[in-house]
Amino acid sequence: MSNYTNRNMLAAAERYAQADRSDPFALARARLHLSNGIASYANANGQAAYYEAEPYQETRYLPDGREYQATVYRNVVRP
């Protein structure tokens, strides 16, 4: 597996961990699964088999009525 693919899978694992901030071990577990081969680039069916989450922009509001954009992660995928 190429170094580029490894970086992409690690970046995807980081997005996955940001999607579930209530789990402090999400990133460590995803990285461990990638290094041990539990999660990999593709499974036997050729489908992606690694952690992923898609970033979206969400409008949030401050108590004084001002709004701002925040990045949230949805469509979480676990192998």
N, C-alpha and C. Protein backbone atom coordinates (compact mmCIF):
# COMPACT_ATOMS: atom_id res chain seq x y z
N MET A 1 0.85 -1.17 0.00
CA MET A 1 0.00 0.00 0.00
C MET A 1 0.89 1.23 0.00
N SER A 2 0.53 2.20 -0.78
CA SER A 2 1.37 3.38 -0.92
C SER A 2 1.29 4.29 0.30
N ASN A 3 2.30 5.12 0.43
CA ASN A 3 2.34 6.09 1.51
C ASN A 3 1.19 7.08 1.40
N TYR A 4 0.82 7.43 0.15
CA TYR A 4 -0.31 8.35 -0.09
C TYR A 4 -1.61 7.76 0.47
N THR A 5 -1.83 6.47 0.22
CA THR A 5 -3.03 5.80 0.70
C THR A 5 -3.05 5.77 2.22
N ASN A 6 -1.91 5.50 2.84
CA ASN A 6 -1.82 5.49 4.30
C ASN A 6 -2.19 6.85 4.88
N ARG A 7 -1.69 7.93 4.27
CA ARG A 7 -2.00 9.29 4.75
C ARG A 7 -3.48 9.57 4.61
N ASN A 8 -4.08 9.14 3.49
CA ASN A 8 -5.51 9.35 3.28
C ASN A 8 -6.34 8.60 4.31
N MET A 9 -5.96 7.37 4.62
CA MET A 9 -6.71 6.60 5.60
C MET A 9 -6.55 7.18 6.99
N LEU A 10 -5.37 7.71 7.32
CA LEU A 10 -5.19 8.36 8.62
C LEU A 10 -5.99 9.65 8.71
N ALA A 11 -6.04 10.41 7.63
CA ALA A 11 -6.85 11.63 7.61
C ALA A 11 -8.33 11.28 7.76
N ALA A 12 -8.77 10.21 7.12
CA ALA A 12 -10.15 9.77 7.25
C ALA A 12 -10.44 9.32 8.68
N ALA A 13 -9.48 8.66 9.33
CA ALA A 13 -9.65 8.24 10.72
C ALA A 13 -9.78 9.46 11.63
N GLU A 14 -9.04 10.52 11.33
CA GLU A 14 -9.16 11.75 12.12
C GLU A 14 -10.53 12.39 11.95
N ARG A 15 -11.06 12.38 10.73
CA ARG A 15 -12.42 12.90 10.51
C ARG A 15 -13.44 12.06 11.28
N TYR A 16 -13.25 10.74 11.26
CA TYR A 16 -14.14 9.85 11.99
C TYR A 16 -14.12 10.19 13.49
N ALA A 17 -12.94 10.40 14.05
CA ALA A 17 -12.83 10.71 15.48
C ALA A 17 -13.47 12.05 15.81
N GLN A 18 -13.36 13.03 14.91
CA GLN A 18 -13.99 14.33 15.14
C GLN A 18 -15.50 14.24 15.09
N ALA A 19 -16.02 13.24 14.39
CA ALA A 19 -17.47 13.06 14.30
C ALA A 19 -18.04 12.56 15.63
N ASP A 20 -17.22 11.88 16.43
CA ASP A 20 -17.68 11.34 17.71
C ASP A 20 -16.80 11.86 18.84
N ARG A 21 -16.99 13.11 19.19
CA ARG A 21 -16.18 13.73 20.23
C ARG A 21 -16.46 13.18 21.62
N SER A 22 -17.56 12.44 21.78
CA SER A 22 -17.88 11.87 23.09
C SER A 22 -17.01 10.65 23.40
N ASP A 23 -16.32 10.12 22.40
CA ASP A 23 -15.44 8.96 22.59
C ASP A 23 -13.99 9.42 22.53
N PRO A 24 -13.32 9.56 23.68
CA PRO A 24 -11.95 10.07 23.67
C PRO A 24 -10.93 9.12 23.04
N PHE A 25 -11.32 7.88 22.82
CA PHE A 25 -10.39 6.90 22.28
C PHE A 25 -10.67 6.55 20.81
N ALA A 26 -11.57 7.28 20.17
CA ALA A 26 -11.95 6.96 18.80
C ALA A 26 -10.76 7.00 17.84
N LEU A 27 -9.95 8.04 17.93
CA LEU A 27 -8.81 8.15 17.01
C LEU A 27 -7.78 7.06 17.31
N ALA A 28 -7.49 6.82 18.56
CA ALA A 28 -6.50 5.79 18.91
C ALA A 28 -6.97 4.42 18.43
N ARG A 29 -8.25 4.13 18.60
CA ARG A 29 -8.79 2.84 18.16
C ARG A 29 -8.74 2.72 16.64
N ALA A 30 -9.12 3.78 15.93
CA ALA A 30 -9.09 3.74 14.46
C ALA A 30 -7.66 3.56 13.95
N ARG A 31 -6.71 4.26 14.54
CA ARG A 31 -5.31 4.12 14.12
C ARG A 31 -4.79 2.71 14.41
N LEU A 32 -5.17 2.16 15.56
CA LEU A 32 -4.76 0.80 15.90
C LEU A 32 -5.34 -0.20 14.90
N HIS A 33 -6.61 -0.03 14.55
CA HIS A 33 -7.23 -0.92 13.58
C HIS A 33 -6.56 -0.82 12.21
N LEU A 34 -6.15 0.38 11.82
CA LEU A 34 -5.44 0.53 10.55
C LEU A 34 -4.08 -0.14 10.59
N SER A 35 -3.36 0.02 11.70
CA SER A 35 -2.01 -0.55 11.77
C SER A 35 -2.03 -2.07 11.90
N ASN A 36 -3.10 -2.63 12.51
CA ASN A 36 -3.20 -4.08 12.68
C ASN A 36 -3.87 -4.78 11.51
N GLY A 37 -4.40 -4.01 10.57
CA GLY A 37 -5.04 -4.62 9.41
C GLY A 37 -6.52 -4.93 9.61
N ILE A 38 -7.09 -4.57 10.77
CA ILE A 38 -8.52 -4.78 10.98
C ILE A 38 -9.30 -3.91 10.00
N ALA A 39 -8.86 -2.69 9.83
CA ALA A 39 -9.41 -1.79 8.81
C ALA A 39 -8.36 -1.70 7.71
N SER A 40 -8.81 -1.70 6.47
CA SER A 40 -7.87 -1.63 5.35
C SER A 40 -8.49 -0.82 4.23
N TYR A 41 -7.72 -0.62 3.16
CA TYR A 41 -8.18 0.21 2.05
C TYR A 41 -9.42 -0.39 1.40
N ALA A 42 -9.46 -1.71 1.25
CA ALA A 42 -10.61 -2.36 0.63
C ALA A 42 -10.81 -3.74 1.24
N ASN A 43 -12.06 -4.18 1.29
CA ASN A 43 -12.34 -5.52 1.79
C ASN A 43 -12.33 -6.52 0.63
N ALA A 44 -12.73 -7.74 0.88
CA ALA A 44 -12.70 -8.79 -0.15
C ALA A 44 -13.63 -8.48 -1.32
N ASN A 45 -14.66 -7.68 -1.08
CA ASN A 45 -15.61 -7.31 -2.14
C ASN A 45 -15.16 -6.08 -2.92
N GLY A 46 -14.02 -5.51 -2.56
CA GLY A 46 -13.52 -4.32 -3.24
C GLY A 46 -14.11 -3.02 -2.73
N GLN A 47 -14.89 -3.08 -1.65
CA GLN A 47 -15.47 -1.88 -1.07
C GLN A 47 -14.51 -1.27 -0.06
N ALA A 48 -14.58 0.03 0.10
CA ALA A 48 -13.73 0.71 1.08
C ALA A 48 -13.99 0.12 2.46
N ALA A 49 -12.93 -0.14 3.21
CA ALA A 49 -13.07 -0.78 4.51
C ALA A 49 -12.25 -0.03 5.56
N TYR A 50 -12.36 1.30 5.55
CA TYR A 50 -11.65 2.07 6.56
C TYR A 50 -12.59 3.13 7.13
N TYR A 51 -12.19 3.73 8.21
CA TYR A 51 -13.00 4.74 8.90
C TYR A 51 -13.11 6.00 8.04
N GLU A 52 -14.27 6.64 8.09
CA GLU A 52 -14.48 7.86 7.32
C GLU A 52 -15.66 8.63 7.89
N ALA A 53 -15.66 9.93 7.67
CA ALA A 53 -16.79 10.81 7.97
C ALA A 53 -16.70 11.99 7.02
N GLU A 54 -17.85 12.49 6.57
CA GLU A 54 -17.86 13.58 5.61
C GLU A 54 -18.04 14.92 6.33
N PRO A 55 -17.21 15.92 5.98
CA PRO A 55 -17.36 17.24 6.61
C PRO A 55 -18.48 18.05 5.95
N TYR A 56 -19.22 18.77 6.76
CA TYR A 56 -20.28 19.67 6.30
C TYR A 56 -20.16 20.98 7.04
N GLN A 57 -20.65 22.04 6.43
CA GLN A 57 -20.71 23.34 7.09
C GLN A 57 -22.10 23.51 7.69
N GLU A 58 -22.14 23.98 8.93
CA GLU A 58 -23.38 24.17 9.65
C GLU A 58 -23.41 25.59 10.21
N THR A 59 -24.54 26.24 10.13
CA THR A 59 -24.68 27.58 10.69
C THR A 59 -25.07 27.46 12.15
N ARG A 60 -24.31 28.15 13.00
CA ARG A 60 -24.61 28.17 14.43
C ARG A 60 -24.82 29.61 14.86
N TYR A 61 -25.54 29.78 15.96
CA TYR A 61 -25.90 31.12 16.42
C TYR A 61 -25.38 31.37 17.83
N LEU A 62 -24.84 32.56 18.03
CA LEU A 62 -24.39 32.99 19.34
C LEU A 62 -25.58 33.57 20.10
N PRO A 63 -25.50 33.67 21.44
CA PRO A 63 -26.62 34.20 22.22
C PRO A 63 -27.05 35.61 21.79
N ASP A 64 -26.13 36.41 21.26
CA ASP A 64 -26.49 37.77 20.84
C ASP A 64 -27.07 37.82 19.42
N GLY A 65 -27.28 36.66 18.79
CA GLY A 65 -27.91 36.60 17.48
C GLY A 65 -26.95 36.51 16.30
N ARG A 66 -25.66 36.73 16.54
CA ARG A 66 -24.70 36.60 15.44
C ARG A 66 -24.59 35.13 15.05
N GLU A 67 -24.29 34.90 13.78
CA GLU A 67 -24.14 33.53 13.31
C GLU A 67 -22.73 33.30 12.79
N TYR A 68 -22.34 32.03 12.78
CA TYR A 68 -21.03 31.66 12.26
C TYR A 68 -21.12 30.25 11.68
N GLN A 69 -20.15 29.89 10.87
CA GLN A 69 -20.09 28.58 10.24
C GLN A 69 -19.17 27.67 11.04
N ALA A 70 -19.63 26.45 11.27
CA ALA A 70 -18.83 25.44 11.98
C ALA A 70 -18.79 24.19 11.12
N THR A 71 -17.66 23.49 11.15
CA THR A 71 -17.54 22.23 10.43
C THR A 71 -18.01 21.11 11.33
N VAL A 72 -18.95 20.32 10.83
CA VAL A 72 -19.45 19.15 11.54
C VAL A 72 -19.24 17.94 10.63
N TYR A 73 -19.21 16.76 11.21
CA TYR A 73 -18.94 15.54 10.44
C TYR A 73 -20.15 14.62 10.54
N ARG A 74 -20.57 14.13 9.38
CA ARG A 74 -21.72 13.22 9.29
C ARG A 74 -21.37 12.05 8.39
N ASN A 75 -22.32 11.18 8.21
CA ASN A 75 -22.16 9.98 7.37
C ASN A 75 -20.93 9.18 7.82
N VAL A 76 -20.91 8.87 9.08
CA VAL A 76 -19.79 8.13 9.66
C VAL A 76 -19.78 6.71 9.10
N VAL A 77 -18.59 6.25 8.72
CA VAL A 77 -18.40 4.90 8.19
C VAL A 77 -17.38 4.18 9.06
N ARG A 78 -17.77 3.00 9.50
CA ARG A 78 -16.85 2.12 10.24
C ARG A 78 -16.68 0.84 9.45
N PRO A 79 -15.48 0.28 9.46
CA PRO A 79 -15.27 -0.97 8.70
C PRO A 79 -15.99 -2.14 9.33
